[in-house]
PDB file of all heavy atoms in Angstrom:
ATOM      1  N   VAL A   1      66.243 -35.493  91.354  1.00  0.00           N
ATOM      2  CA  VAL A   1      65.012 -35.945  92.185  1.00  0.00           C
ATOM      3  C   VAL A   1      63.860 -36.057  91.132  1.00  0.00           C
ATOM      4  O   VAL A   1      63.108 -37.112  91.140  1.00  0.00           O
ATOM      5  CB  VAL A   1      64.729 -35.023  93.183  1.00  0.00           C
ATOM      6  CG1 VAL A   1      63.357 -35.408  93.846  1.00  0.00           C
ATOM      7  CG2 VAL A   1      65.749 -34.997  94.270  1.00  0.00           C
ATOM      8  N   ALA A   2      63.707 -35.192  90.176  1.00  0.00           N
ATOM      9  CA  ALA A   2      62.610 -35.206  89.276  1.00  0.00           C
ATOM     10  C   ALA A   2      62.756 -36.497  88.321  1.00  0.00           C
ATOM     11  O   ALA A   2      61.897 -37.108  88.032  1.00  0.00           O
ATOM     12  CB  ALA A   2      62.646 -33.917  88.421  1.00  0.00           C
ATOM     13  N   GLN A   3      64.057 -36.702  87.836  1.00  0.00           N
ATOM     14  CA  GLN A   3      64.244 -37.930  87.043  1.00  0.00           C
ATOM     15  C   GLN A   3      64.016 -39.147  87.760  1.00  0.00           C
ATOM     16  O   GLN A   3      63.361 -40.073  87.116  1.00  0.00           O
ATOM     17  CB  GLN A   3      65.746 -37.953  86.551  1.00  0.00           C
ATOM     18  CG  GLN A   3      66.151 -36.778  85.701  1.00  0.00           C
ATOM     19  CD  GLN A   3      67.694 -36.860  85.353  1.00  0.00           C
ATOM     20  OE1 GLN A   3      68.368 -37.732  85.824  1.00  0.00           O
ATOM     21  NE2 GLN A   3      68.072 -35.944  84.538  1.00  0.00           N
ATOM     22  N   VAL A   4      64.176 -39.325  89.004  1.00  0.00           N
ATOM     23  CA  VAL A   4      63.964 -40.515  89.795  1.00  0.00           C
ATOM     24  C   VAL A   4      62.421 -40.687  90.066  1.00  0.00           C
ATOM     25  O   VAL A   4      61.852 -41.758  90.030  1.00  0.00           O
ATOM     26  CB  VAL A   4      64.758 -40.577  91.025  1.00  0.00           C
ATOM     27  CG1 VAL A   4      64.428 -41.742  91.966  1.00  0.00           C
ATOM     28  CG2 VAL A   4      66.337 -40.576  90.762  1.00  0.00           C
ATOM     29  N   LEU A   5      61.762 -39.638  90.505  1.00  0.00           N
ATOM     30  CA  LEU A   5      60.397 -39.678  90.979  1.00  0.00           C
ATOM     31  C   LEU A   5      59.344 -39.627  89.869  1.00  0.00           C
ATOM     32  O   LEU A   5      58.240 -39.963  90.122  1.00  0.00           O
ATOM     33  CB  LEU A   5      60.113 -38.534  91.922  1.00  0.00           C
ATOM     34  CG  LEU A   5      60.956 -38.571  93.209  1.00  0.00           C
ATOM     35  CD1 LEU A   5      60.549 -37.505  94.191  1.00  0.00           C
ATOM     36  CD2 LEU A   5      60.844 -39.927  93.964  1.00  0.00           C
ATOM     37  N   ASN A   6      59.677 -39.135  88.627  1.00  0.00           N
ATOM     38  CA  ASN A   6      58.729 -39.210  87.580  1.00  0.00           C
ATOM     39  C   ASN A   6      58.233 -40.494  87.202  1.00  0.00           C
ATOM     40  O   ASN A   6      59.012 -41.402  86.995  1.00  0.00           O
ATOM     41  CB  ASN A   6      59.344 -38.425  86.322  1.00  0.00           C
ATOM     42  CG  ASN A   6      59.380 -36.892  86.526  1.00  0.00           C
ATOM     43  OD1 ASN A   6      58.523 -36.375  87.234  1.00  0.00           O
ATOM     44  ND2 ASN A   6      60.209 -36.239  85.823  1.00  0.00           N
ATOM     45  N   GLY A   7      56.897 -40.642  87.157  1.00  0.00           N
ATOM     46  CA  GLY A   7      56.420 -42.028  86.831  1.00  0.00           C
ATOM     47  C   GLY A   7      56.187 -42.938  88.069  1.00  0.00           C
ATOM     48  O   GLY A   7      55.763 -44.048  87.810  1.00  0.00           O
ATOM     49  N   THR A   8      56.366 -42.410  89.282  1.00  0.00           N
ATOM     50  CA  THR A   8      56.220 -43.176  90.429  1.00  0.00           C
ATOM     51  C   THR A   8      55.038 -42.639  91.282  1.00  0.00           C
ATOM     52  O   THR A   8      54.579 -41.549  90.876  1.00  0.00           O
ATOM     53  CB  THR A   8      57.436 -43.217  91.339  1.00  0.00           C
ATOM     54  OG1 THR A   8      57.738 -41.891  91.750  1.00  0.00           O
ATOM     55  CG2 THR A   8      58.716 -43.726  90.521  1.00  0.00           C
ATOM     56  N   GLU A   9      54.649 -43.224  92.364  1.00  0.00           N
ATOM     57  CA  GLU A   9      53.624 -42.759  93.210  1.00  0.00           C
ATOM     58  C   GLU A   9      54.048 -41.531  93.951  1.00  0.00           C
ATOM     59  O   GLU A   9      53.227 -40.856  94.550  1.00  0.00           O
ATOM     60  CB  GLU A   9      53.173 -43.918  94.231  1.00  0.00           C
ATOM     61  CG  GLU A   9      54.378 -44.207  95.116  1.00  0.00           C
ATOM     62  CD  GLU A   9      53.856 -45.383  96.145  1.00  0.00           C
ATOM     63  OE1 GLU A   9      52.698 -45.329  96.433  1.00  0.00           O
ATOM     64  OE2 GLU A   9      54.786 -46.136  96.521  1.00  0.00           O
ATOM     65  N   PHE A  10      55.333 -41.205  93.937  1.00  0.00           N
ATOM     66  CA  PHE A  10      55.843 -39.969  94.728  1.00  0.00           C
ATOM     67  C   PHE A  10      56.073 -38.781  93.802  1.00  0.00           C
ATOM     68  O   PHE A  10      56.641 -37.786  94.207  1.00  0.00           O
ATOM     69  CB  PHE A  10      57.178 -40.300  95.421  1.00  0.00           C
ATOM     70  CG  PHE A  10      57.087 -41.579  96.218  1.00  0.00           C
ATOM     71  CD1 PHE A  10      57.977 -42.664  95.923  1.00  0.00           C
ATOM     72  CD2 PHE A  10      56.161 -41.576  97.265  1.00  0.00           C
ATOM     73  CE1 PHE A  10      57.832 -43.795  96.773  1.00  0.00           C
ATOM     74  CE2 PHE A  10      56.254 -42.883  98.140  1.00  0.00           C
ATOM     75  CZ  PHE A  10      57.046 -43.863  97.763  1.00  0.00           C
ATOM     76  N   GLU A  11      55.524 -38.875  92.598  1.00  0.00           N
ATOM     77  CA  GLU A  11      55.578 -37.730  91.592  1.00  0.00           C
ATOM     78  C   GLU A  11      55.195 -36.325  92.069  1.00  0.00           C
ATOM     79  O   GLU A  11      55.760 -35.409  91.726  1.00  0.00           O
ATOM     80  CB  GLU A  11      54.930 -38.112  90.343  1.00  0.00           C
ATOM     81  CG  GLU A  11      55.308 -37.226  89.189  1.00  0.00           C
ATOM     82  CD  GLU A  11      54.786 -37.758  87.745  1.00  0.00           C
ATOM     83  OE1 GLU A  11      54.248 -38.928  87.870  1.00  0.00           O
ATOM     84  OE2 GLU A  11      54.995 -37.023  86.774  1.00  0.00           O
ATOM     85  N   PRO A  12      54.111 -36.216  92.948  1.00  0.00           N
ATOM     86  CA  PRO A  12      53.655 -34.921  93.428  1.00  0.00           C
ATOM     87  C   PRO A  12      54.766 -34.124  94.175  1.00  0.00           C
ATOM     88  O   PRO A  12      54.880 -32.944  94.211  1.00  0.00           O
ATOM     89  CB  PRO A  12      52.575 -35.281  94.318  1.00  0.00           C
ATOM     90  CG  PRO A  12      51.928 -36.474  93.934  1.00  0.00           C
ATOM     91  CD  PRO A  12      53.096 -37.272  93.386  1.00  0.00           C
ATOM     92  N   ALA A  13      55.835 -34.880  94.667  1.00  0.00           N
ATOM     93  CA  ALA A  13      56.942 -34.271  95.320  1.00  0.00           C
ATOM     94  C   ALA A  13      57.820 -33.382  94.385  1.00  0.00           C
ATOM     95  O   ALA A  13      58.319 -32.398  94.760  1.00  0.00           O
ATOM     96  CB  ALA A  13      57.863 -35.248  96.032  1.00  0.00           C
ATOM     97  N   VAL A  14      57.825 -33.873  93.104  1.00  0.00           N
ATOM     98  CA  VAL A  14      58.588 -33.039  92.116  1.00  0.00           C
ATOM     99  C   VAL A  14      57.907 -31.598  91.947  1.00  0.00           C
ATOM    100  O   VAL A  14      58.678 -30.559  91.830  1.00  0.00           O
ATOM    101  CB  VAL A  14      58.541 -33.795  90.706  1.00  0.00           C
ATOM    102  CG1 VAL A  14      59.296 -32.958  89.656  1.00  0.00           C
ATOM    103  CG2 VAL A  14      59.159 -35.119  90.893  1.00  0.00           C
ATOM    104  N   ARG A  15      56.635 -31.441  91.941  1.00  0.00           N
ATOM    105  CA  ARG A  15      56.092 -30.151  91.756  1.00  0.00           C
ATOM    106  C   ARG A  15      56.226 -29.329  93.000  1.00  0.00           C
ATOM    107  O   ARG A  15      56.624 -28.088  92.781  1.00  0.00           O
ATOM    108  CB  ARG A  15      54.508 -30.338  91.550  1.00  0.00           C
ATOM    109  CG  ARG A  15      53.763 -29.059  91.458  1.00  0.00           C
ATOM    110  CD  ARG A  15      52.245 -29.345  91.319  1.00  0.00           C
ATOM    111  NE  ARG A  15      51.670 -30.186  92.371  1.00  0.00           N
ATOM    112  CZ  ARG A  15      51.391 -29.758  93.586  1.00  0.00           C
ATOM    113  NH1 ARG A  15      51.530 -28.484  93.859  1.00  0.00           N
ATOM    114  NH2 ARG A  15      50.904 -30.628  94.431  1.00  0.00           N
ATOM    115  N   LEU A  16      56.222 -29.886  94.211  1.00  0.00           N
ATOM    116  CA  LEU A  16      56.511 -29.135  95.422  1.00  0.00           C
ATOM    117  C   LEU A  16      58.074 -28.552  95.346  1.00  0.00           C
ATOM    118  O   LEU A  16      58.170 -27.404  95.723  1.00  0.00           O
ATOM    119  CB  LEU A  16      56.239 -30.015  96.673  1.00  0.00           C
ATOM    120  CG  LEU A  16      54.713 -30.379  96.852  1.00  0.00           C
ATOM    121  CD1 LEU A  16      54.788 -31.438  98.166  1.00  0.00           C
ATOM    122  CD2 LEU A  16      53.913 -29.204  97.059  1.00  0.00           C
ATOM    123  N   ILE A  17      58.919 -29.437  95.049  1.00  0.00           N
ATOM    124  CA  ILE A  17      60.294 -29.110  95.135  1.00  0.00           C
ATOM    125  C   ILE A  17      60.562 -27.917  94.013  1.00  0.00           C
ATOM    126  O   ILE A  17      61.298 -26.976  94.334  1.00  0.00           O
ATOM    127  CB  ILE A  17      61.200 -30.352  94.811  1.00  0.00           C
ATOM    128  CG1 ILE A  17      61.106 -31.253  95.947  1.00  0.00           C
ATOM    129  CG2 ILE A  17      62.651 -29.858  94.586  1.00  0.00           C
ATOM    130  CD1 ILE A  17      61.858 -32.585  95.830  1.00  0.00           C
ATOM    131  N   GLN A  18      60.107 -28.214  92.841  1.00  0.00           N
ATOM    132  CA  GLN A  18      60.285 -27.135  91.764  1.00  0.00           C
ATOM    133  C   GLN A  18      59.697 -25.858  92.125  1.00  0.00           C
ATOM    134  O   GLN A  18      60.313 -24.746  91.955  1.00  0.00           O
ATOM    135  CB  GLN A  18      59.626 -27.608  90.434  1.00  0.00           C
ATOM    136  CG  GLN A  18      60.360 -28.816  89.845  1.00  0.00           C
ATOM    137  CD  GLN A  18      59.719 -29.262  88.562  1.00  0.00           C
ATOM    138  OE1 GLN A  18      58.524 -28.894  88.321  1.00  0.00           O
ATOM    139  NE2 GLN A  18      60.406 -30.162  87.933  1.00  0.00           N
ATOM    140  N   SER A  19      58.447 -25.792  92.863  1.00  0.00           N
ATOM    141  CA  SER A  19      57.852 -24.624  93.344  1.00  0.00           C
ATOM    142  C   SER A  19      58.786 -23.898  94.354  1.00  0.00           C
ATOM    143  O   SER A  19      59.001 -22.614  94.346  1.00  0.00           O
ATOM    144  CB  SER A  19      56.488 -24.916  93.860  1.00  0.00           C
ATOM    145  OG  SER A  19      55.938 -23.727  94.522  1.00  0.00           O
ATOM    146  N   PHE A  20      59.413 -24.758  95.317  1.00  0.00           N
ATOM    147  CA  PHE A  20      60.287 -24.156  96.284  1.00  0.00           C
ATOM    148  C   PHE A  20      61.526 -23.579  95.694  1.00  0.00           C
ATOM    149  O   PHE A  20      62.070 -22.514  96.102  1.00  0.00           O
ATOM    150  CB  PHE A  20      60.605 -25.235  97.351  1.00  0.00           C
ATOM    151  CG  PHE A  20      61.706 -24.767  98.344  1.00  0.00           C
ATOM    152  CD1 PHE A  20      61.403 -23.883  99.270  1.00  0.00           C
ATOM    153  CD2 PHE A  20      63.030 -25.227  98.191  1.00  0.00           C
ATOM    154  CE1 PHE A  20      62.457 -23.453 100.159  1.00  0.00           C
ATOM    155  CE2 PHE A  20      63.928 -24.908  98.966  1.00  0.00           C
ATOM    156  CZ  PHE A  20      63.752 -23.956 100.017  1.00  0.00           C
ATOM    157  N   VAL A  21      62.122 -24.339  94.705  1.00  0.00           N
ATOM    158  CA  VAL A  21      63.250 -23.833  93.997  1.00  0.00           C
ATOM    159  C   VAL A  21      63.056 -22.490  93.373  1.00  0.00           C
ATOM    160  O   VAL A  21      63.887 -21.614  93.334  1.00  0.00           O
ATOM    161  CB  VAL A  21      63.899 -24.830  92.996  1.00  0.00           C
ATOM    162  CG1 VAL A  21      64.913 -24.264  92.196  1.00  0.00           C
ATOM    163  CG2 VAL A  21      64.370 -26.104  93.779  1.00  0.00           C
ATOM    164  N   ARG A  22      61.933 -22.339  92.759  1.00  0.00           N
ATOM    165  CA  ARG A  22      61.507 -21.032  92.126  1.00  0.00           C
ATOM    166  C   ARG A  22      61.474 -19.915  93.117  1.00  0.00           C
ATOM    167  O   ARG A  22      61.880 -18.778  92.846  1.00  0.00           O
ATOM    168  CB  ARG A  22      60.227 -21.100  91.343  1.00  0.00           C
ATOM    169  CG  ARG A  22      60.399 -21.885  90.043  1.00  0.00           C
ATOM    170  CD  ARG A  22      59.164 -21.823  89.186  1.00  0.00           C
ATOM    171  NE  ARG A  22      57.963 -22.165  89.834  1.00  0.00           N
ATOM    172  CZ  ARG A  22      57.397 -23.344  89.792  1.00  0.00           C
ATOM    173  NH1 ARG A  22      57.981 -24.296  88.986  1.00  0.00           N
ATOM    174  NH2 ARG A  22      56.400 -23.782  90.371  1.00  0.00           N
ATOM    175  N   ARG A  23      61.065 -20.197  94.368  1.00  0.00           N
ATOM    176  CA  ARG A  23      60.893 -19.147  95.341  1.00  0.00           C
ATOM    177  C   ARG A  23      62.083 -19.007  96.252  1.00  0.00           C
ATOM    178  O   ARG A  23      62.110 -18.084  97.065  1.00  0.00           O
ATOM    179  CB  ARG A  23      59.616 -19.516  96.218  1.00  0.00           C
ATOM    180  CG  ARG A  23      58.317 -19.552  95.489  1.00  0.00           C
ATOM    181  CD  ARG A  23      57.150 -19.524  96.478  1.00  0.00           C
ATOM    182  NE  ARG A  23      57.360 -20.519  97.634  1.00  0.00           N
ATOM    183  CZ  ARG A  23      57.142 -21.785  97.572  1.00  0.00           C
ATOM    184  NH1 ARG A  23      56.607 -22.283  96.524  1.00  0.00           N
ATOM    185  NH2 ARG A  23      57.364 -22.549  98.664  1.00  0.00           N
ATOM    186  N   ARG A  24      63.062 -19.834  96.197  1.00  0.00           N
ATOM    187  CA  ARG A  24      64.177 -19.817  97.032  1.00  0.00           C
ATOM    188  C   ARG A  24      64.856 -18.564  97.026  1.00  0.00           C
ATOM    189  O   ARG A  24      65.394 -17.982  97.997  1.00  0.00           O
ATOM    190  CB  ARG A  24      65.076 -21.067  96.882  1.00  0.00           C
ATOM    191  CG  ARG A  24      66.312 -21.147  97.810  1.00  0.00           C
ATOM    192  CD  ARG A  24      66.941 -22.489  97.611  1.00  0.00           C
ATOM    193  NE  ARG A  24      67.299 -22.822  96.316  1.00  0.00           N
ATOM    194  CZ  ARG A  24      67.798 -23.928  95.934  1.00  0.00           C
ATOM    195  NH1 ARG A  24      68.010 -24.899  96.790  1.00  0.00           N
ATOM    196  NH2 ARG A  24      68.055 -24.133  94.619  1.00  0.00           N
ATOM    197  N   HIS A  25      65.063 -17.922  95.763  1.00  0.00           N
ATOM    198  CA  HIS A  25      65.796 -16.770  95.537  1.00  0.00           C
ATOM    199  C   HIS A  25      65.083 -15.653  96.366  1.00  0.00           C
ATOM    200  O   HIS A  25      65.862 -14.832  97.042  1.00  0.00           O
ATOM    201  CB  HIS A  25      65.828 -16.435  94.103  1.00  0.00           C
ATOM    202  CG  HIS A  25      66.458 -15.077  93.796  1.00  0.00           C
ATOM    203  ND1 HIS A  25      67.844 -14.819  94.022  1.00  0.00           N
ATOM    204  CD2 HIS A  25      65.993 -13.872  93.343  1.00  0.00           C
ATOM    205  CE1 HIS A  25      68.085 -13.624  93.666  1.00  0.00           C
ATOM    206  NE2 HIS A  25      67.008 -13.043  93.312  1.00  0.00           N
ATOM    207  N   PHE A  26      63.723 -15.583  96.322  1.00  0.00           N
ATOM    208  CA  PHE A  26      63.107 -14.527  97.029  1.00  0.00           C
ATOM    209  C   PHE A  26      63.180 -14.708  98.494  1.00  0.00           C
ATOM    210  O   PHE A  26      63.296 -13.809  99.203  1.00  0.00           O
ATOM    211  CB  PHE A  26      61.664 -14.409  96.571  1.00  0.00           C
ATOM    212  CG  PHE A  26      61.394 -14.289  95.169  1.00  0.00           C
ATOM    213  CD1 PHE A  26      61.132 -15.289  94.205  1.00  0.00           C
ATOM    214  CD2 PHE A  26      61.617 -12.989  94.614  1.00  0.00           C
ATOM    215  CE1 PHE A  26      61.054 -15.061  92.907  1.00  0.00           C
ATOM    216  CE2 PHE A  26      61.520 -12.729  93.204  1.00  0.00           C
ATOM    217  CZ  PHE A  26      61.256 -13.760  92.301  1.00  0.00           C
ATOM    218  N   ILE A  27      63.163 -16.017  98.983  1.00  0.00           N
ATOM    219  CA  ILE A  27      63.251 -16.325 100.450  1.00  0.00           C
ATOM    220  C   ILE A  27      64.637 -15.753 100.907  1.00  0.00           C
ATOM    221  O   ILE A  27      64.765 -15.112 102.008  1.00  0.00           O
ATOM    222  CB  ILE A  27      63.064 -17.769 100.619  1.00  0.00           C
ATOM    223  CG1 ILE A  27      61.561 -18.099 100.299  1.00  0.00           C
ATOM    224  CG2 ILE A  27      63.358 -18.079 102.132  1.00  0.00           C
ATOM    225  CD1 ILE A  27      61.327 -19.647 100.333  1.00  0.00           C
ATOM    226  N   LEU A  28      65.669 -16.167 100.158  1.00  0.00           N
ATOM    227  CA  LEU A  28      66.939 -15.696 100.595  1.00  0.00           C
ATOM    228  C   LEU A  28      67.236 -14.140 100.569  1.00  0.00           C
ATOM    229  O   LEU A  28      67.789 -13.554 101.435  1.00  0.00           O
ATOM    230  CB  LEU A  28      68.086 -16.404  99.731  1.00  0.00           C
ATOM    231  CG  LEU A  28      68.127 -17.847  99.835  1.00  0.00           C
ATOM    232  CD1 LEU A  28      69.186 -18.487  98.848  1.00  0.00           C
ATOM    233  CD2 LEU A  28      68.564 -18.436 101.249  1.00  0.00           C
ATOM    234  N   ARG A  29      66.587 -13.601  99.503  1.00  0.00           N
ATOM    235  CA  ARG A  29      66.790 -12.131  99.393  1.00  0.00           C
ATOM    236  C   ARG A  29      65.922 -11.402 100.544  1.00  0.00           C
ATOM    237  O   ARG A  29      66.386 -10.411 101.032  1.00  0.00           O
ATOM    238  CB  ARG A  29      66.246 -11.663  98.045  1.00  0.00           C
ATOM    239  CG  ARG A  29      66.498 -10.196  97.739  1.00  0.00           C
ATOM    240  CD  ARG A  29      66.042  -9.925  96.358  1.00  0.00           C
ATOM    241  NE  ARG A  29      64.516 -10.058  96.252  1.00  0.00           N
ATOM    242  CZ  ARG A  29      63.965  -9.905  95.065  1.00  0.00           C
ATOM    243  NH1 ARG A  29      64.553  -9.513  93.924  1.00  0.00           N
ATOM    244  NH2 ARG A  29      62.679 -10.090  95.021  1.00  0.00           N
ATOM    245  N   GLU A  30      64.841 -11.942 101.016  1.00  0.00           N
ATOM    246  CA  GLU A  30      64.119 -11.367 102.012  1.00  0.00           C
ATOM    247  C   GLU A  30      64.588 -11.735 103.404  1.00  0.00           C
ATOM    248  O   GLU A  30      64.010 -11.401 104.452  1.00  0.00           O
ATOM    249  CB  GLU A  30      62.600 -11.697 101.960  1.00  0.00           C
ATOM    250  CG  GLU A  30      61.921 -11.123 100.670  1.00  0.00           C
ATOM    251  CD  GLU A  30      60.494 -11.599 100.433  1.00  0.00           C
ATOM    252  OE1 GLU A  30      60.022 -12.429 101.390  1.00  0.00           O
ATOM    253  OE2 GLU A  30      59.913 -11.197  99.500  1.00  0.00           O
ATOM    254  N   LYS A  31      65.565 -12.713 103.492  1.00  0.00           N
ATOM    255  CA  LYS A  31      66.165 -13.292 104.664  1.00  0.00           C
ATOM    256  C   LYS A  31      65.130 -13.772 105.617  1.00  0.00           C
ATOM    257  O   LYS A  31      65.123 -13.577 106.853  1.00  0.00           O
ATOM    258  CB  LYS A  31      66.982 -11.991 105.394  1.00  0.00           C
ATOM    259  CG  LYS A  31      68.022 -11.517 104.612  1.00  0.00           C
ATOM    260  CD  LYS A  31      68.835 -10.503 105.333  1.00  0.00           C
ATOM    261  CE  LYS A  31      70.039  -9.970 104.573  1.00  0.00           C
ATOM    262  NZ  LYS A  31      70.798  -9.000 105.355  1.00  0.00           N
ATOM    263  N   ARG A  32      64.186 -14.486 105.111  1.00  0.00           N
ATOM    264  CA  ARG A  32      63.153 -15.215 105.797  1.00  0.00           C
ATOM    265  C   ARG A  32      63.700 -16.669 106.241  1.00  0.00           C
ATOM    266  O   ARG A  32      64.454 -17.301 105.465  1.00  0.00           O
ATOM    267  CB  ARG A  32      61.898 -15.432 104.892  1.00  0.00           C
ATOM    268  CG  ARG A  32      61.084 -14.196 104.850  1.00  0.00           C
ATOM    269  CD  ARG A  32      59.789 -14.406 104.099  1.00  0.00           C
ATOM    270  NE  ARG A  32      59.925 -15.082 102.771  1.00  0.00           N
ATOM    271  CZ  ARG A  32      59.064 -15.634 102.101  1.00  0.00           C
ATOM    272  NH1 ARG A  32      57.802 -15.780 102.600  1.00  0.00           N
ATOM    273  NH2 ARG A  32      59.382 -16.082 100.907  1.00  0.00           N
ATOM    274  N   PRO A  33      63.330 -17.114 107.388  1.00  0.00           N
ATOM    275  CA  PRO A  33      63.739 -18.408 107.784  1.00  0.00           C
ATOM    276  C   PRO A  33      63.090 -19.412 106.838  1.00  0.00           C
ATOM    277  O   PRO A  33      61.810 -19.248 106.478  1.00  0.00           O
ATOM    278  CB  PRO A  33      63.267 -18.552 109.331  1.00  0.00           C
ATOM    279  CG  PRO A  33      63.070 -17.277 109.736  1.00  0.00           C
ATOM    280  CD  PRO A  33      62.736 -16.377 108.547  1.00  0.00           C
ATOM    281  N   PRO A  34      63.754 -20.460 106.284  1.00  0.00           N
ATOM    282  CA  PRO A  34      63.071 -21.460 105.397  1.00  0.00           C
ATOM    283  C   PRO A  34      61.849 -22.058 106.027  1.00  0.00           C
ATOM    284  O   PRO A  34      60.983 -22.449 105.300  1.00  0.00           O
ATOM    285  CB  PRO A  34      64.382 -22.288 105.080  1.00  0.00           C
ATOM    286  CG  PRO A  34      65.454 -21.597 105.355  1.00  0.00           C
ATOM    287  CD  PRO A  34      65.226 -20.735 106.446  1.00  0.00           C
TER     288      PRO A  34
END
């Protein structure tokens, strides 16, 4: 997704997805609903 969206008008989505991927481990460990 980052390769496709970099340089386009939708590039802010890359930052949001990367932030979620970094936190996904903690979300799964705490068993929180996504």
